[in-house]
Protein backbone atom coordinates (compact mmCIF):
# COMPACT_ATOMS: atom_id res chain seq x y z
CA MET A 1 0.00 0.00 0.00
CA ALA A 2 2.73 2.48 0.96
CA ASN A 3 4.64 1.62 -2.19
CA SER A 4 1.66 2.47 -4.41
CA LYS A 5 1.15 5.81 -2.61
CA LEU A 6 4.83 6.64 -2.95
CA GLN A 7 4.74 5.70 -6.62
CA ALA A 8 1.62 7.83 -7.16
CA PHE A 9 3.33 10.78 -5.45
CA TRP A 10 6.50 10.26 -7.50
CA ASN A 11 4.59 10.13 -10.80
CA HIS A 12 2.12 12.94 -10.00
CA PRO A 13 2.13 15.83 -12.53
CA ALA A 14 3.20 18.15 -9.68
CA GLY A 15 5.47 15.56 -8.07
CA PRO A 16 9.19 15.64 -7.31
CA LYS A 17 10.17 14.94 -10.91
CA THR A 18 8.88 18.40 -11.93
CA ILE A 19 9.63 22.06 -11.20
CA HIS A 20 6.05 22.33 -9.96
CA PHE A 21 7.19 20.51 -6.84
CA TRP A 22 10.62 22.05 -6.26
CA ALA A 23 9.79 25.75 -6.74
CA PRO A 24 7.20 25.86 -3.92
CA THR A 25 9.38 23.60 -1.78
CA PHE A 26 12.27 26.05 -1.90
CA LYS A 27 9.85 28.97 -1.44
CA TRP A 28 9.30 27.68 2.10
CA GLY A 29 12.62 29.42 2.80
CA LEU A 30 10.86 32.81 2.52
CA THR A 31 8.20 31.72 4.98
CA ILE A 32 10.76 30.35 7.41
CA ALA A 33 12.79 33.58 7.14
CA ASN A 34 9.64 35.58 7.89
CA ILE A 35 8.93 33.41 10.94
CA LEU A 36 12.49 33.95 12.16
CA ASP A 37 11.95 37.71 11.71
CA SER A 38 9.51 37.52 14.61
CA ALA A 39 12.56 38.09 16.80
CA THR A 40 13.42 41.25 14.84
CA PRO A 41 12.40 44.55 16.46
CA PRO A 42 9.26 45.89 14.73
CA GLU A 43 10.93 49.19 13.80
CA LYS A 44 13.23 47.24 11.46
CA LEU A 45 10.35 45.65 9.54
CA SER A 46 9.45 47.02 6.13
CA TYR A 47 5.90 47.94 5.12
CA PRO A 48 6.57 47.47 1.38
CA GLN A 49 8.30 44.11 1.80
CA GLN A 50 5.67 42.63 4.09
CA SER A 51 2.81 44.03 1.98
CA VAL A 52 4.23 42.42 -1.16
CA LEU A 53 4.76 39.09 0.61
CA ALA A 54 1.17 39.15 1.93
CA CYS A 55 -0.42 40.11 -1.40
CA SER A 56 1.66 37.81 -3.59
CA GLY A 57 1.05 34.97 -1.14
CA LEU A 58 -2.71 35.38 -1.43
CA ILE A 59 -2.61 35.72 -5.22
CA TRP A 60 -0.45 32.63 -5.73
CA ALA A 61 -2.38 30.61 -3.16
CA ARG A 62 -5.52 31.27 -5.19
CA TYR A 63 -3.68 30.38 -8.40
CA GLY A 64 -2.59 27.06 -6.89
CA THR A 65 -6.24 26.10 -6.45
CA VAL A 66 -7.37 26.86 -10.01
CA ILE A 67 -4.56 25.29 -12.04
CA ILE A 68 -4.72 21.71 -13.25
CA PRO A 69 -3.37 19.66 -11.54
CA LYS A 70 -3.97 21.37 -8.24
CA ASN A 71 -0.67 22.08 -6.55
CA TRP A 72 -1.29 21.87 -2.80
CA ASN A 73 2.37 22.51 -2.02
CA LEU A 74 2.08 25.83 -3.87
CA VAL A 75 -1.17 26.67 -2.08
CA SER A 76 0.19 25.89 1.38
CA VAL A 77 3.50 27.72 1.02
CA ASN A 78 1.84 30.86 -0.32
CA PHE A 79 -0.92 30.82 2.27
CA ALA A 80 1.67 30.43 5.04
CA MET A 81 3.76 33.22 3.50
CA SER A 82 0.78 35.59 3.46
CA VAL A 83 -0.16 34.73 7.06
CA THR A 84 3.36 35.34 8.35
CA ALA A 85 3.58 38.61 6.40
CA MET A 86 0.24 39.80 7.81
CA TYR A 87 1.48 38.95 11.30
CA GLN A 88 4.63 41.01 10.71
CA LEU A 89 2.54 43.88 9.34
CA SER A 90 0.35 43.81 12.45
CA ARG A 91 3.45 43.95 14.66
CA LYS A 92 4.76 46.95 12.70
CA ILE A 93 1.41 48.77 12.79
CA GLN A 94 0.99 48.18 16.54
CA HIS A 95 4.52 49.44 17.16
CA ASP A 96 4.04 52.57 15.04
CA LEU A 97 0.68 53.35 16.68
CA SER A 98 2.13 52.96 20.18
CA ILE A 99 4.95 55.39 19.33
CA LYS A 100 2.41 57.88 17.94
CA ASN A 101 0.27 57.54 21.10
CA HIS A 102 3.32 58.15 23.31
CA GLU A 103 4.22 61.25 21.28
CA VAL A 104 0.68 62.63 21.58
CA ALA A 105 0.63 61.96 25.33
CA ALA A 106 4.02 63.69 25.73
CA GLU A 107 2.79 66.76 23.81
CA GLU A 108 -0.30 67.05 26.02
CA GLU A 109 1.75 67.12 29.20
């Protein structure tokens, strides 16, 4: 049974014998790098970079569901990339808003 599943995976049109497998697999590096950036101070995060990662992740995740054959590796890596980018954007926005609130409070005193 396991042999037939392995053979089906190996011979799949988006399997390891094609670029359709390896491109999304290596793209996981971007998602992992974004997860590791959670330790980075929010002031060092970039709005343009995280916005592009979030948007392109959503666009390509959608694309992965409409192509034939469906490429679930492509869908999952891009969805994860967009989620991590949105998390980083929320950290940056919260940080910038807290600085602005501190500045306003200091001006009122």
